[in-house]
N, C-alpha and C. Protein backbone atom coordinates (compact mmCIF):
# COMPACT_ATOMS: atom_id res chain seq x y z
N MET A 1 0.84 -1.17 0.00
CA MET A 1 0.00 0.00 0.00
C MET A 1 0.89 1.24 0.00
N ASN A 2 0.62 2.17 -0.89
CA ASN A 2 1.44 3.36 -1.03
C ASN A 2 0.73 4.54 -0.38
N GLU A 3 1.10 4.88 0.84
CA GLU A 3 0.49 5.98 1.56
C GLU A 3 1.50 7.10 1.74
N THR A 4 1.04 8.32 1.55
CA THR A 4 1.86 9.50 1.78
C THR A 4 1.31 10.22 3.00
N TYR A 5 2.20 10.60 3.90
CA TYR A 5 1.81 11.28 5.14
C TYR A 5 2.56 12.60 5.22
N VAL A 6 1.82 13.71 5.28
CA VAL A 6 2.43 15.03 5.43
C VAL A 6 1.62 15.79 6.47
N GLU A 7 2.34 16.44 7.36
CA GLU A 7 1.70 17.20 8.43
C GLU A 7 2.21 18.63 8.38
N CYS A 8 1.33 19.59 8.58
CA CYS A 8 1.70 21.00 8.53
C CYS A 8 0.94 21.74 9.63
N LEU A 9 1.65 22.51 10.44
CA LEU A 9 1.04 23.24 11.55
C LEU A 9 1.16 24.73 11.28
N VAL A 10 0.05 25.45 11.39
CA VAL A 10 0.00 26.89 11.11
C VAL A 10 -0.59 27.60 12.32
N ALA A 11 0.17 28.51 12.89
CA ALA A 11 -0.31 29.28 14.05
C ALA A 11 -1.07 30.50 13.55
N ARG A 12 -2.26 30.69 14.08
CA ARG A 12 -3.11 31.82 13.69
C ARG A 12 -2.56 33.10 14.29
N LYS A 13 -2.64 34.18 13.54
CA LYS A 13 -2.17 35.49 13.98
C LYS A 13 -2.99 35.95 15.19
N GLN A 14 -2.29 36.51 16.17
CA GLN A 14 -2.96 37.01 17.38
C GLN A 14 -3.76 38.26 17.02
N ASN A 15 -5.03 38.23 17.29
CA ASN A 15 -5.92 39.34 17.01
C ASN A 15 -5.75 40.41 18.09
N PRO A 16 -5.63 41.69 17.72
CA PRO A 16 -5.51 42.73 18.75
C PRO A 16 -6.71 42.77 19.69
N LEU A 17 -7.87 42.39 19.20
CA LEU A 17 -9.05 42.35 20.04
C LEU A 17 -8.92 41.29 21.13
N SER A 18 -8.25 40.19 20.83
CA SER A 18 -8.09 39.14 21.83
C SER A 18 -7.23 39.60 23.00
N ILE A 19 -6.24 40.43 22.72
CA ILE A 19 -5.41 40.98 23.80
C ILE A 19 -6.26 41.88 24.70
N LEU A 20 -7.14 42.67 24.09
CA LEU A 20 -8.03 43.52 24.88
C LEU A 20 -9.02 42.70 25.70
N ILE A 21 -9.51 41.61 25.13
CA ILE A 21 -10.44 40.74 25.86
C ILE A 21 -9.76 40.12 27.07
N LYS A 22 -8.53 39.63 26.87
CA LYS A 22 -7.79 39.05 28.00
C LYS A 22 -7.56 40.09 29.10
N ALA A 23 -7.13 41.28 28.70
CA ALA A 23 -6.87 42.33 29.68
C ALA A 23 -8.15 42.73 30.42
N ALA A 24 -9.27 42.82 29.70
CA ALA A 24 -10.53 43.21 30.33
C ALA A 24 -11.00 42.15 31.33
N VAL A 25 -10.90 40.88 30.97
CA VAL A 25 -11.33 39.81 31.87
C VAL A 25 -10.45 39.80 33.13
N ILE A 26 -9.15 39.94 32.95
CA ILE A 26 -8.24 39.96 34.11
C ILE A 26 -8.52 41.18 34.99
N ALA A 27 -8.81 42.33 34.37
CA ALA A 27 -9.11 43.53 35.15
C ALA A 27 -10.40 43.37 35.94
N VAL A 28 -11.42 42.78 35.34
CA VAL A 28 -12.69 42.57 36.05
C VAL A 28 -12.49 41.61 37.22
N ILE A 29 -11.74 40.54 36.99
CA ILE A 29 -11.49 39.58 38.08
C ILE A 29 -10.71 40.27 39.21
N SER A 30 -9.73 41.09 38.86
CA SER A 30 -8.95 41.81 39.88
C SER A 30 -9.83 42.75 40.69
N VAL A 31 -10.70 43.47 40.02
CA VAL A 31 -11.61 44.40 40.72
C VAL A 31 -12.54 43.62 41.65
N LEU A 32 -13.03 42.48 41.19
CA LEU A 32 -13.92 41.66 42.03
C LEU A 32 -13.19 41.13 43.26
N VAL A 33 -11.93 40.74 43.11
CA VAL A 33 -11.15 40.27 44.25
C VAL A 33 -10.91 41.41 45.24
N ILE A 34 -10.60 42.58 44.75
CA ILE A 34 -10.39 43.74 45.63
C ILE A 34 -11.68 44.08 46.37
N LEU A 35 -12.82 44.02 45.66
CA LEU A 35 -14.10 44.29 46.31
C LEU A 35 -14.42 43.24 47.38
N SER A 36 -14.02 42.01 47.12
CA SER A 36 -14.27 40.97 48.14
C SER A 36 -13.41 41.20 49.37
N LEU A 37 -12.20 41.74 49.19
CA LEU A 37 -11.35 42.05 50.34
C LEU A 37 -11.91 43.22 51.14
N LEU A 38 -12.69 44.08 50.49
CA LEU A 38 -13.31 45.20 51.19
C LEU A 38 -14.59 44.80 51.92
N GLY A 39 -14.99 43.54 51.76
CA GLY A 39 -16.12 43.03 52.52
C GLY A 39 -17.43 42.98 51.75
N ILE A 40 -17.44 43.23 50.47
CA ILE A 40 -18.68 43.16 49.70
C ILE A 40 -18.99 41.69 49.46
N PRO A 41 -20.17 41.23 49.82
CA PRO A 41 -20.48 39.79 49.74
C PRO A 41 -20.60 39.28 48.29
N PHE A 42 -20.30 38.04 48.13
CA PHE A 42 -20.44 37.26 46.90
C PHE A 42 -19.50 37.68 45.75
N THR A 43 -18.69 38.70 45.93
CA THR A 43 -17.80 39.11 44.83
C THR A 43 -16.66 38.11 44.62
N LEU A 44 -16.22 37.46 45.69
CA LEU A 44 -15.17 36.45 45.54
C LEU A 44 -15.69 35.24 44.77
N ILE A 45 -16.93 34.85 45.04
CA ILE A 45 -17.53 33.73 44.31
C ILE A 45 -17.67 34.07 42.82
N VAL A 46 -18.12 35.29 42.53
CA VAL A 46 -18.25 35.72 41.13
C VAL A 46 -16.88 35.76 40.46
N ALA A 47 -15.86 36.21 41.19
CA ALA A 47 -14.51 36.27 40.63
C ALA A 47 -13.98 34.88 40.33
N VAL A 48 -14.22 33.92 41.22
CA VAL A 48 -13.76 32.54 40.99
C VAL A 48 -14.49 31.92 39.80
N VAL A 49 -15.80 32.12 39.72
CA VAL A 49 -16.57 31.58 38.59
C VAL A 49 -16.12 32.20 37.29
N LEU A 50 -15.92 33.51 37.28
CA LEU A 50 -15.44 34.19 36.07
C LEU A 50 -14.03 33.72 35.70
N GLY A 51 -13.21 33.47 36.69
CA GLY A 51 -11.86 32.95 36.42
C GLY A 51 -11.89 31.57 35.77
N PHE A 52 -12.76 30.69 36.26
CA PHE A 52 -12.89 29.37 35.64
C PHE A 52 -13.44 29.46 34.22
N LEU A 53 -14.44 30.30 34.03
CA LEU A 53 -15.00 30.49 32.69
C LEU A 53 -13.95 31.03 31.73
N ALA A 54 -13.16 31.98 32.21
CA ALA A 54 -12.11 32.55 31.35
C ALA A 54 -11.05 31.50 31.02
N ALA A 55 -10.66 30.72 32.01
CA ALA A 55 -9.59 29.74 31.80
C ALA A 55 -10.02 28.60 30.89
N TYR A 56 -11.28 28.20 30.94
CA TYR A 56 -11.72 27.02 30.19
C TYR A 56 -12.54 27.33 28.94
N LEU A 57 -13.10 28.53 28.86
CA LEU A 57 -13.93 28.85 27.69
C LEU A 57 -13.41 30.01 26.86
N ILE A 58 -13.01 31.09 27.50
CA ILE A 58 -12.65 32.31 26.77
C ILE A 58 -11.21 32.27 26.27
N PHE A 59 -10.25 32.06 27.16
CA PHE A 59 -8.83 32.11 26.77
C PHE A 59 -8.43 31.05 25.73
N PRO A 60 -8.94 29.81 25.81
CA PRO A 60 -8.57 28.83 24.77
C PRO A 60 -9.02 29.22 23.37
N MET A 61 -10.09 29.97 23.25
CA MET A 61 -10.57 30.38 21.94
C MET A 61 -9.75 31.52 21.35
N LEU A 62 -8.86 32.12 22.13
CA LEU A 62 -8.10 33.27 21.66
C LEU A 62 -6.73 32.89 21.11
N SER A 63 -6.27 31.68 21.35
CA SER A 63 -4.99 31.20 20.82
C SER A 63 -5.27 29.97 19.96
N ILE A 64 -5.18 30.14 18.64
CA ILE A 64 -5.61 29.08 17.72
C ILE A 64 -4.48 28.72 16.76
N GLU A 65 -4.36 27.42 16.51
CA GLU A 65 -3.46 26.88 15.48
C GLU A 65 -4.28 25.94 14.61
N TYR A 66 -3.87 25.82 13.36
CA TYR A 66 -4.50 24.85 12.45
C TYR A 66 -3.47 23.81 12.07
N GLU A 67 -3.89 22.56 12.06
CA GLU A 67 -3.03 21.48 11.62
C GLU A 67 -3.65 20.84 10.39
N TYR A 68 -2.87 20.81 9.31
CA TYR A 68 -3.30 20.12 8.10
C TYR A 68 -2.58 18.78 8.08
N LEU A 69 -3.34 17.74 7.85
CA LEU A 69 -2.78 16.40 7.81
C LEU A 69 -3.21 15.75 6.50
N TYR A 70 -2.23 15.43 5.66
CA TYR A 70 -2.51 14.76 4.40
C TYR A 70 -2.13 13.30 4.55
N LEU A 71 -3.10 12.42 4.34
CA LEU A 71 -2.87 10.99 4.43
C LEU A 71 -3.81 10.28 3.49
N ASP A 72 -3.24 9.54 2.57
CA ASP A 72 -4.00 8.65 1.70
C ASP A 72 -5.16 9.37 0.98
N LYS A 73 -4.81 10.40 0.21
CA LYS A 73 -5.76 11.15 -0.62
C LYS A 73 -6.83 11.87 0.18
N GLU A 74 -6.48 12.31 1.38
CA GLU A 74 -7.43 13.00 2.24
C GLU A 74 -6.69 14.05 3.05
N ILE A 75 -7.27 15.24 3.12
CA ILE A 75 -6.72 16.32 3.94
C ILE A 75 -7.64 16.51 5.13
N THR A 76 -7.07 16.41 6.32
CA THR A 76 -7.82 16.63 7.55
C THR A 76 -7.34 17.94 8.16
N ILE A 77 -8.27 18.82 8.48
CA ILE A 77 -7.94 20.10 9.09
C ILE A 77 -8.45 20.08 10.53
N ASP A 78 -7.52 20.27 11.47
CA ASP A 78 -7.86 20.32 12.89
C ASP A 78 -7.58 21.71 13.43
N LYS A 79 -8.41 22.14 14.35
CA LYS A 79 -8.24 23.41 15.03
C LYS A 79 -7.73 23.10 16.44
N ILE A 80 -6.58 23.67 16.79
CA ILE A 80 -5.97 23.43 18.10
C ILE A 80 -6.08 24.73 18.90
N MET A 81 -6.75 24.65 20.05
CA MET A 81 -6.96 25.83 20.87
C MET A 81 -6.06 25.78 22.10
N SER A 82 -5.24 26.79 22.26
CA SER A 82 -4.30 26.93 23.38
C SER A 82 -3.38 25.74 23.52
N LYS A 83 -3.06 25.08 22.45
CA LYS A 83 -2.17 23.92 22.43
C LYS A 83 -2.64 22.81 23.38
N GLN A 84 -3.94 22.78 23.67
CA GLN A 84 -4.49 21.79 24.58
C GLN A 84 -5.67 21.04 23.99
N LYS A 85 -6.61 21.76 23.41
CA LYS A 85 -7.82 21.14 22.89
C LYS A 85 -7.74 21.05 21.37
N ARG A 86 -8.15 19.93 20.85
CA ARG A 86 -8.14 19.70 19.40
C ARG A 86 -9.56 19.41 18.93
N LYS A 87 -9.92 20.05 17.82
CA LYS A 87 -11.24 19.83 17.25
C LYS A 87 -11.08 19.63 15.75
N ARG A 88 -11.67 18.57 15.24
CA ARG A 88 -11.65 18.31 13.80
C ARG A 88 -12.62 19.27 13.14
N VAL A 89 -12.09 20.07 12.20
CA VAL A 89 -12.89 21.09 11.55
C VAL A 89 -13.42 20.61 10.20
N GLN A 90 -12.56 19.96 9.42
CA GLN A 90 -12.93 19.60 8.06
C GLN A 90 -12.13 18.39 7.60
N VAL A 91 -12.75 17.54 6.80
CA VAL A 91 -12.07 16.44 6.13
C VAL A 91 -12.37 16.59 4.64
N LEU A 92 -11.30 16.71 3.84
CA LEU A 92 -11.44 16.95 2.40
C LEU A 92 -10.88 15.77 1.62
N ASP A 93 -11.68 15.26 0.72
CA ASP A 93 -11.26 14.17 -0.16
C ASP A 93 -10.64 14.78 -1.41
N ILE A 94 -9.41 14.41 -1.74
CA ILE A 94 -8.72 14.97 -2.89
C ILE A 94 -9.46 14.65 -4.19
N GLY A 95 -10.18 13.55 -4.25
CA GLY A 95 -10.95 13.21 -5.43
C GLY A 95 -12.07 14.21 -5.71
N LYS A 96 -12.54 14.91 -4.68
CA LYS A 96 -13.61 15.90 -4.84
C LYS A 96 -13.08 17.32 -4.91
N MET A 97 -11.77 17.45 -4.86
CA MET A 97 -11.14 18.76 -5.01
C MET A 97 -11.20 19.16 -6.49
N GLU A 98 -11.57 20.40 -6.74
CA GLU A 98 -11.63 20.88 -8.11
C GLU A 98 -10.34 21.57 -8.53
N LEU A 99 -9.73 22.31 -7.61
CA LEU A 99 -8.56 23.11 -7.97
C LEU A 99 -7.81 23.51 -6.71
N LEU A 100 -6.48 23.55 -6.82
CA LEU A 100 -5.62 24.06 -5.75
C LEU A 100 -4.62 24.99 -6.42
N ALA A 101 -4.63 26.27 -6.01
CA ALA A 101 -3.74 27.26 -6.61
C ALA A 101 -3.49 28.37 -5.60
N PRO A 102 -2.43 29.16 -5.82
CA PRO A 102 -2.19 30.30 -4.91
C PRO A 102 -3.40 31.23 -4.89
N SER A 103 -3.63 31.85 -3.75
CA SER A 103 -4.83 32.67 -3.59
C SER A 103 -4.81 33.92 -4.47
N ALA A 104 -3.64 34.34 -4.94
CA ALA A 104 -3.56 35.50 -5.83
C ALA A 104 -3.92 35.15 -7.26
N SER A 105 -4.10 33.88 -7.55
CA SER A 105 -4.40 33.43 -8.91
C SER A 105 -5.80 33.86 -9.34
N HIS A 106 -5.95 34.08 -10.64
CA HIS A 106 -7.25 34.46 -11.18
C HIS A 106 -8.13 33.25 -11.47
N GLU A 107 -7.65 32.07 -11.13
CA GLU A 107 -8.43 30.85 -11.33
C GLU A 107 -9.71 30.85 -10.49
N PHE A 108 -9.72 31.63 -9.43
CA PHE A 108 -10.85 31.59 -8.50
C PHE A 108 -11.83 32.73 -8.69
N ASP A 109 -11.65 33.53 -9.74
CA ASP A 109 -12.56 34.64 -9.99
C ASP A 109 -13.99 34.17 -10.22
N SER A 110 -14.15 33.06 -10.94
CA SER A 110 -15.51 32.56 -11.19
C SER A 110 -16.17 32.07 -9.90
N TYR A 111 -15.38 31.48 -9.00
CA TYR A 111 -15.94 31.03 -7.73
C TYR A 111 -16.39 32.23 -6.88
N LYS A 112 -15.55 33.26 -6.85
CA LYS A 112 -15.87 34.43 -6.05
C LYS A 112 -17.06 35.19 -6.62
N SER A 113 -17.16 35.25 -7.96
CA SER A 113 -18.28 35.97 -8.57
C SER A 113 -19.60 35.22 -8.35
N ARG A 114 -19.56 33.90 -8.18
CA ARG A 114 -20.77 33.12 -7.90
C ARG A 114 -21.14 33.16 -6.42
N GLY A 115 -20.27 33.73 -5.60
CA GLY A 115 -20.56 33.83 -4.17
C GLY A 115 -20.32 32.54 -3.41
N VAL A 116 -19.36 31.73 -3.88
CA VAL A 116 -19.03 30.49 -3.18
C VAL A 116 -18.41 30.87 -1.82
N PRO A 117 -18.89 30.29 -0.74
CA PRO A 117 -18.38 30.67 0.59
C PRO A 117 -16.90 30.31 0.76
N GLU A 118 -16.20 31.19 1.46
CA GLU A 118 -14.78 30.98 1.75
C GLU A 118 -14.62 30.63 3.23
N LYS A 119 -13.76 29.65 3.49
CA LYS A 119 -13.43 29.26 4.86
C LYS A 119 -11.94 29.46 5.03
N ASP A 120 -11.57 30.28 5.99
CA ASP A 120 -10.17 30.66 6.17
C ASP A 120 -9.54 29.81 7.28
N PHE A 121 -8.58 28.97 6.89
CA PHE A 121 -7.81 28.17 7.83
C PHE A 121 -6.33 28.51 7.70
N SER A 122 -6.02 29.78 7.48
CA SER A 122 -4.64 30.22 7.32
C SER A 122 -4.21 30.99 8.57
N SER A 123 -2.96 31.45 8.57
CA SER A 123 -2.44 32.16 9.73
C SER A 123 -2.96 33.59 9.82
N GLY A 124 -3.32 34.19 8.71
CA GLY A 124 -3.81 35.56 8.72
C GLY A 124 -2.73 36.59 8.48
N TYR A 125 -1.47 36.17 8.36
CA TYR A 125 -0.39 37.10 8.07
C TYR A 125 -0.39 37.44 6.58
N ALA A 126 -0.26 38.72 6.24
CA ALA A 126 -0.33 39.15 4.84
C ALA A 126 0.89 38.70 4.03
N ASP A 127 2.04 38.52 4.68
CA ASP A 127 3.25 38.18 3.94
C ASP A 127 3.42 36.68 3.72
N HIS A 128 2.55 35.84 4.26
CA HIS A 128 2.63 34.39 4.06
C HIS A 128 1.89 34.01 2.78
N LYS A 129 2.41 33.01 2.08
CA LYS A 129 1.79 32.56 0.85
C LYS A 129 0.62 31.63 1.17
N THR A 130 -0.55 32.02 0.71
CA THR A 130 -1.75 31.23 0.96
C THR A 130 -2.24 30.62 -0.35
N TRP A 131 -2.99 29.54 -0.22
CA TRP A 131 -3.55 28.81 -1.35
C TRP A 131 -5.04 28.66 -1.14
N TYR A 132 -5.78 28.68 -2.24
CA TYR A 132 -7.20 28.34 -2.19
C TYR A 132 -7.38 26.91 -2.70
N LEU A 133 -8.23 26.18 -2.03
CA LEU A 133 -8.61 24.85 -2.47
C LEU A 133 -10.10 24.90 -2.77
N ALA A 134 -10.44 24.74 -4.05
CA ALA A 134 -11.85 24.71 -4.45
C ALA A 134 -12.34 23.28 -4.27
N TYR A 135 -13.43 23.14 -3.54
CA TYR A 135 -13.92 21.82 -3.16
C TYR A 135 -15.42 21.75 -3.44
N HIS A 136 -15.83 20.62 -3.97
CA HIS A 136 -17.25 20.43 -4.27
C HIS A 136 -17.62 18.97 -4.04
N ASP A 137 -18.57 18.76 -3.14
CA ASP A 137 -19.14 17.42 -2.97
C ASP A 137 -20.65 17.56 -2.85
N GLU A 138 -21.33 16.47 -2.52
CA GLU A 138 -22.79 16.51 -2.47
C GLU A 138 -23.32 17.39 -1.35
N ASN A 139 -22.51 17.69 -0.33
CA ASN A 139 -22.97 18.49 0.80
C ASN A 139 -22.64 19.96 0.68
N GLU A 140 -21.50 20.29 0.09
CA GLU A 140 -21.09 21.68 0.08
C GLU A 140 -20.17 21.99 -1.09
N GLU A 141 -20.13 23.28 -1.39
CA GLU A 141 -19.16 23.82 -2.33
C GLU A 141 -18.52 25.00 -1.61
N ALA A 142 -17.20 25.00 -1.52
CA ALA A 142 -16.53 26.05 -0.76
C ALA A 142 -15.11 26.25 -1.26
N LEU A 143 -14.58 27.42 -0.93
CA LEU A 143 -13.16 27.72 -1.13
C LEU A 143 -12.50 27.70 0.23
N PHE A 144 -11.47 26.88 0.37
CA PHE A 144 -10.74 26.79 1.63
C PHE A 144 -9.41 27.52 1.47
N LYS A 145 -9.18 28.50 2.32
CA LYS A 145 -7.93 29.24 2.30
C LYS A 145 -6.96 28.54 3.25
N LEU A 146 -5.89 28.00 2.69
CA LEU A 146 -4.92 27.22 3.45
C LEU A 146 -3.53 27.82 3.31
N GLU A 147 -2.63 27.34 4.15
CA GLU A 147 -1.24 27.75 4.10
C GLU A 147 -0.34 26.51 4.16
N PRO A 148 -0.44 25.65 3.14
CA PRO A 148 0.34 24.41 3.17
C PRO A 148 1.81 24.66 2.86
N ASP A 149 2.67 23.75 3.31
CA ASP A 149 4.08 23.85 2.97
C ASP A 149 4.34 23.13 1.64
N GLU A 150 5.57 23.21 1.18
CA GLU A 150 5.93 22.63 -0.12
C GLU A 150 5.75 21.11 -0.16
N ASP A 151 6.00 20.43 0.95
CA ASP A 151 5.83 18.98 0.98
C ASP A 151 4.37 18.58 0.75
N MET A 152 3.45 19.33 1.34
CA MET A 152 2.04 19.01 1.16
C MET A 152 1.59 19.31 -0.27
N ILE A 153 2.06 20.41 -0.83
CA ILE A 153 1.74 20.75 -2.22
C ILE A 153 2.26 19.65 -3.15
N ARG A 154 3.46 19.19 -2.90
CA ARG A 154 4.06 18.13 -3.72
C ARG A 154 3.27 16.83 -3.60
N ALA A 155 2.82 16.49 -2.40
CA ALA A 155 2.06 15.27 -2.20
C ALA A 155 0.71 15.34 -2.92
N ILE A 156 0.06 16.49 -2.87
CA ILE A 156 -1.22 16.65 -3.56
C ILE A 156 -1.01 16.64 -5.07
N ARG A 157 0.08 17.28 -5.53
CA ARG A 157 0.37 17.30 -6.96
C ARG A 157 0.65 15.89 -7.49
N ASN A 158 1.26 15.03 -6.68
CA ASN A 158 1.52 13.66 -7.11
C ASN A 158 0.22 12.87 -7.31
N ILE A 159 -0.80 13.17 -6.54
CA ILE A 159 -2.07 12.46 -6.65
C ILE A 159 -2.96 13.08 -7.73
N ALA A 160 -3.01 14.41 -7.79
CA ALA A 160 -3.90 15.10 -8.73
C ALA A 160 -3.12 16.19 -9.47
N PRO A 161 -2.26 15.82 -10.42
CA PRO A 161 -1.40 16.82 -11.06
C PRO A 161 -2.16 17.86 -11.88
N ARG A 162 -3.29 17.53 -12.44
CA ARG A 162 -4.03 18.47 -13.26
C ARG A 162 -4.86 19.45 -12.44
N LYS A 163 -5.02 19.18 -11.18
CA LYS A 163 -5.82 20.04 -10.31
C LYS A 163 -4.99 21.04 -9.52
N VAL A 164 -3.67 20.95 -9.59
CA VAL A 164 -2.78 21.84 -8.85
C VAL A 164 -2.14 22.80 -9.84
N ARG A 165 -2.31 24.10 -9.59
CA ARG A 165 -1.72 25.13 -10.44
C ARG A 165 -0.73 25.91 -9.59
N GLU A 166 0.41 26.24 -10.18
CA GLU A 166 1.48 26.93 -9.44
C GLU A 166 1.48 28.44 -9.69
N PHE A 167 0.61 28.94 -10.52
CA PHE A 167 0.65 30.36 -10.87
C PHE A 167 -0.52 31.12 -10.30
């Protein structure tokens, strides 16, 4: 059996809003702790509950990485939150891929003019080279914005050479 395995990890750009959210949550918790020290009832309980919510729900959503895994004609995209929680976001079959090309290519003008939805699984940095993957199956048609490395591009090109464009 001839299987190709390629893994690529892409860290999402830190959003300036996420820094403000973290600072605001920490400031509110600090104020609640100070108020509890001054004798105001139930503020310590609210601070502890807010701290747990922030640690387990809010903060993990602010630090995101994407992992692309290519194995046996299939691309699996996982979302990793705070390097602790992993969630499978998408599984793409290369046989149902229509086109893979750099995002600056004009190959995708027809998709964009038809209003095909775009799903962004890239880092968000403007200077990184991104690729669009046009995908169509019985459930959905979408453009996936990815940031694969050269090994992954080469592996996909070996399986579907006519569907990969380098320009």
